[in-house]
C-alpha cells in the first residue's frame, strides 16, 4: 500500500498519514462556498431573491462537500442491544 493510492495508511506502530491533496480539496470547496455566499448576498441586495436562494443552496452544497473530504468512519461503534 502507498499513501498516493489510498486515502490513508494506518498501522498500530505509526499514525495515520493523510493522502496528499485532501487539505487542498477541502480548501477548494470552502473557497467556492465563500465566493457563492458573497454572490448570494449581492443578489439579495439587488432584490433578486430567487438567484440569491439558488446561490445559498450551492453554498451549502459546497460546505457539505468540504465536510465530506477525508477519511470516513462508519459503523465502528456497535449500538447496545
N, C-alpha and C. Protein backbone atom coordinates (compact mmCIF):
# COMPACT_ATOMS: atom_id res chain seq x y z
N UNK A 1 0.83 -1.19 0.00
CA UNK A 1 0.00 0.00 0.00
C UNK A 1 0.87 1.25 0.00
N UNK A 2 0.42 2.23 -0.73
CA UNK A 2 1.13 3.50 -0.74
C UNK A 2 0.18 4.62 -0.39
N UNK A 3 0.71 5.73 0.10
CA UNK A 3 -0.11 6.87 0.50
C UNK A 3 -0.79 7.54 -0.69
N UNK A 4 -0.25 7.36 -1.89
CA UNK A 4 -0.85 8.00 -3.05
C UNK A 4 -2.04 7.22 -3.58
N UNK A 5 -2.12 5.94 -3.28
CA UNK A 5 -3.22 5.13 -3.80
C UNK A 5 -4.41 5.12 -2.86
N UNK A 6 -4.18 5.19 -1.58
CA UNK A 6 -5.24 5.11 -0.59
C UNK A 6 -5.31 6.41 0.20
N UNK A 7 -6.51 6.76 0.73
CA UNK A 7 -6.64 7.99 1.49
C UNK A 7 -5.70 8.07 2.69
N UNK A 8 -5.44 6.94 3.32
CA UNK A 8 -4.55 6.97 4.47
C UNK A 8 -3.97 5.58 4.69
N UNK A 9 -2.82 5.56 5.30
CA UNK A 9 -2.21 4.30 5.68
C UNK A 9 -2.21 4.27 7.20
N UNK A 10 -2.76 3.21 7.76
CA UNK A 10 -2.85 3.13 9.21
C UNK A 10 -2.20 1.83 9.68
N UNK A 11 -1.44 1.96 10.70
CA UNK A 11 -0.79 0.82 11.31
C UNK A 11 -0.72 1.09 12.80
N UNK A 12 -0.64 0.06 13.59
CA UNK A 12 -0.57 0.24 15.04
C UNK A 12 0.73 0.91 15.46
N UNK A 13 1.76 0.78 14.65
CA UNK A 13 3.06 1.33 15.02
C UNK A 13 3.29 2.76 14.54
N UNK A 14 2.40 3.27 13.71
CA UNK A 14 2.60 4.64 13.22
C UNK A 14 1.24 5.33 13.04
N UNK A 15 1.23 6.66 13.03
CA UNK A 15 -0.04 7.39 12.91
C UNK A 15 -0.61 7.33 11.50
N UNK A 16 -1.83 7.78 11.37
CA UNK A 16 -2.48 7.84 10.06
C UNK A 16 -1.80 8.94 9.23
N UNK A 17 -1.49 8.61 7.98
CA UNK A 17 -0.88 9.56 7.07
C UNK A 17 -1.93 9.96 6.04
N UNK A 18 -2.43 11.19 6.09
CA UNK A 18 -3.45 11.58 5.11
C UNK A 18 -2.89 11.64 3.70
N UNK A 19 -3.74 11.37 2.74
CA UNK A 19 -3.32 11.42 1.35
C UNK A 19 -3.02 12.86 0.95
N UNK A 20 -2.06 13.05 0.08
CA UNK A 20 -1.76 14.41 -0.38
C UNK A 20 -2.96 14.97 -1.13
N UNK A 21 -3.21 16.25 -0.93
CA UNK A 21 -4.28 16.89 -1.67
C UNK A 21 -5.59 17.02 -0.93
N UNK A 22 -5.75 16.34 0.21
CA UNK A 22 -7.02 16.43 0.93
C UNK A 22 -7.26 17.83 1.46
N UNK A 23 -6.23 18.45 2.01
CA UNK A 23 -6.39 19.80 2.54
C UNK A 23 -6.70 20.78 1.41
N UNK A 24 -6.06 20.60 0.26
CA UNK A 24 -6.30 21.48 -0.87
C UNK A 24 -7.73 21.30 -1.39
N UNK A 25 -8.20 20.07 -1.43
CA UNK A 25 -9.56 19.81 -1.90
C UNK A 25 -10.57 20.44 -0.96
N UNK A 26 -10.37 20.26 0.34
CA UNK A 26 -11.27 20.86 1.32
C UNK A 26 -11.26 22.38 1.19
N UNK A 27 -10.08 22.96 1.04
CA UNK A 27 -9.98 24.41 0.91
C UNK A 27 -10.64 24.90 -0.37
N UNK A 28 -10.53 24.12 -1.44
CA UNK A 28 -11.20 24.48 -2.69
C UNK A 28 -12.69 24.64 -2.47
N UNK A 29 -13.31 23.65 -1.80
CA UNK A 29 -14.75 23.70 -1.55
C UNK A 29 -15.11 24.87 -0.64
N UNK A 30 -14.29 25.15 0.37
CA UNK A 30 -14.57 26.26 1.27
C UNK A 30 -14.42 27.61 0.55
N UNK A 31 -13.42 27.73 -0.32
CA UNK A 31 -13.25 28.95 -1.11
C UNK A 31 -14.44 29.16 -2.04
N UNK A 32 -14.87 28.08 -2.68
CA UNK A 32 -16.02 28.16 -3.57
C UNK A 32 -17.27 28.57 -2.79
N UNK A 33 -17.44 28.02 -1.60
CA UNK A 33 -18.59 28.38 -0.76
C UNK A 33 -18.56 29.87 -0.40
N UNK A 34 -17.39 30.38 -0.09
CA UNK A 34 -17.27 31.79 0.27
C UNK A 34 -17.60 32.69 -0.92
N UNK A 35 -17.14 32.30 -2.12
CA UNK A 35 -17.46 33.09 -3.32
C UNK A 35 -18.97 33.09 -3.58
N UNK A 36 -19.59 31.92 -3.46
CA UNK A 36 -21.03 31.82 -3.69
C UNK A 36 -21.82 32.60 -2.65
N UNK A 37 -21.37 32.58 -1.40
CA UNK A 37 -22.06 33.32 -0.35
C UNK A 37 -22.01 34.82 -0.63
N UNK A 38 -20.87 35.30 -1.11
CA UNK A 38 -20.75 36.72 -1.45
C UNK A 38 -21.66 37.07 -2.62
N UNK A 39 -21.74 36.19 -3.62
CA UNK A 39 -22.63 36.42 -4.75
C UNK A 39 -24.09 36.40 -4.30
N UNK A 40 -24.42 35.51 -3.35
CA UNK A 40 -25.79 35.43 -2.83
C UNK A 40 -26.16 36.71 -2.10
N UNK A 41 -25.24 37.25 -1.32
CA UNK A 41 -25.50 38.50 -0.60
C UNK A 41 -25.71 39.64 -1.59
N UNK A 42 -24.91 39.67 -2.64
CA UNK A 42 -25.04 40.72 -3.64
C UNK A 42 -26.38 40.61 -4.38
N UNK A 43 -26.76 39.38 -4.73
CA UNK A 43 -28.05 39.17 -5.41
C UNK A 43 -29.21 39.57 -4.50
N UNK A 44 -29.10 39.28 -3.21
CA UNK A 44 -30.15 39.66 -2.27
C UNK A 44 -30.25 41.18 -2.16
N UNK A 45 -29.12 41.86 -2.13
CA UNK A 45 -29.13 43.32 -2.06
C UNK A 45 -29.73 43.93 -3.33
N UNK A 46 -29.54 43.26 -4.45
CA UNK A 46 -30.11 43.73 -5.71
C UNK A 46 -31.59 43.39 -5.84
N UNK A 47 -32.11 42.61 -4.89
CA UNK A 47 -33.53 42.24 -4.91
C UNK A 47 -33.84 40.98 -5.67
N UNK A 48 -32.83 40.27 -6.15
CA UNK A 48 -33.05 39.02 -6.88
C UNK A 48 -33.07 37.86 -5.89
N UNK A 49 -34.24 37.66 -5.29
CA UNK A 49 -34.38 36.68 -4.22
C UNK A 49 -34.19 35.26 -4.75
N UNK A 50 -34.72 34.96 -5.93
CA UNK A 50 -34.60 33.62 -6.48
C UNK A 50 -33.13 33.25 -6.74
N UNK A 51 -32.39 34.17 -7.34
CA UNK A 51 -30.97 33.92 -7.59
C UNK A 51 -30.20 33.77 -6.28
N UNK A 52 -30.52 34.61 -5.31
CA UNK A 52 -29.87 34.53 -4.01
C UNK A 52 -30.13 33.17 -3.36
N UNK A 53 -31.36 32.71 -3.45
CA UNK A 53 -31.71 31.40 -2.87
C UNK A 53 -30.94 30.27 -3.55
N UNK A 54 -30.84 30.33 -4.88
CA UNK A 54 -30.07 29.29 -5.60
C UNK A 54 -28.61 29.30 -5.17
N UNK A 55 -28.04 30.49 -5.03
CA UNK A 55 -26.64 30.59 -4.62
C UNK A 55 -26.43 30.11 -3.19
N UNK A 56 -27.39 30.37 -2.33
CA UNK A 56 -27.29 29.87 -0.95
C UNK A 56 -27.30 28.35 -0.94
N UNK A 57 -28.16 27.74 -1.75
CA UNK A 57 -28.18 26.27 -1.82
C UNK A 57 -26.87 25.72 -2.36
N UNK A 58 -26.30 26.39 -3.35
CA UNK A 58 -24.99 25.96 -3.87
C UNK A 58 -23.91 26.12 -2.80
N UNK A 59 -23.99 27.19 -2.01
CA UNK A 59 -23.04 27.42 -0.92
C UNK A 59 -23.11 26.27 0.08
N UNK A 60 -24.32 25.92 0.47
CA UNK A 60 -24.49 24.82 1.42
C UNK A 60 -23.97 23.50 0.85
N UNK A 61 -24.15 23.28 -0.45
CA UNK A 61 -23.63 22.06 -1.07
C UNK A 61 -22.11 22.03 -1.02
N UNK A 62 -21.47 23.18 -1.27
CA UNK A 62 -20.00 23.24 -1.20
C UNK A 62 -19.52 22.99 0.22
N UNK A 63 -20.22 23.54 1.20
CA UNK A 63 -19.83 23.31 2.60
C UNK A 63 -19.99 21.85 2.97
N UNK A 64 -21.06 21.21 2.46
CA UNK A 64 -21.26 19.78 2.71
C UNK A 64 -20.13 18.96 2.09
N UNK A 65 -19.76 19.32 0.87
CA UNK A 65 -18.67 18.60 0.19
C UNK A 65 -17.34 18.80 0.93
N UNK A 66 -17.10 19.99 1.43
CA UNK A 66 -15.87 20.25 2.18
C UNK A 66 -15.83 19.39 3.44
N UNK A 67 -16.97 19.23 4.08
CA UNK A 67 -17.03 18.40 5.28
C UNK A 67 -16.85 16.92 4.99
N UNK A 68 -17.13 16.51 3.76
CA UNK A 68 -17.02 15.11 3.39
C UNK A 68 -15.65 14.70 2.88
N UNK A 69 -14.74 15.65 2.76
CA UNK A 69 -13.39 15.34 2.26
C UNK A 69 -12.59 14.70 3.38
N UNK A 70 -11.92 13.63 3.07
CA UNK A 70 -11.07 12.98 4.06
C UNK A 70 -11.58 11.59 4.42
N UNK A 71 -11.06 11.11 5.49
CA UNK A 71 -11.41 9.77 5.92
C UNK A 71 -12.83 9.73 6.46
N UNK A 72 -13.52 8.65 6.19
CA UNK A 72 -14.88 8.46 6.68
C UNK A 72 -14.89 7.26 7.61
N UNK A 73 -15.47 7.44 8.76
CA UNK A 73 -15.54 6.35 9.73
C UNK A 73 -17.00 6.00 9.91
N UNK A 74 -17.34 4.79 9.52
CA UNK A 74 -18.72 4.33 9.60
C UNK A 74 -18.81 3.03 10.38
N UNK A 75 -19.78 2.94 11.24
CA UNK A 75 -20.14 1.72 11.95
C UNK A 75 -18.97 1.13 12.74
N UNK A 76 -18.17 1.96 13.38
CA UNK A 76 -17.12 1.44 14.23
C UNK A 76 -17.64 1.17 15.65
N UNK A 77 -18.68 1.88 16.01
CA UNK A 77 -19.24 1.73 17.34
C UNK A 77 -20.53 0.95 17.22
N UNK A 78 -20.60 -0.19 17.86
CA UNK A 78 -21.81 -1.01 17.81
C UNK A 78 -22.82 -0.46 18.82
N UNK A 79 -24.08 -0.33 18.40
CA UNK A 79 -25.09 0.11 19.35
C UNK A 79 -25.37 -0.99 20.38
N UNK A 80 -25.69 -0.56 21.58
CA UNK A 80 -26.03 -1.54 22.61
C UNK A 80 -27.42 -2.09 22.37
N UNK A 81 -27.58 -3.38 22.55
CA UNK A 81 -28.88 -4.01 22.34
C UNK A 81 -29.70 -4.01 23.59
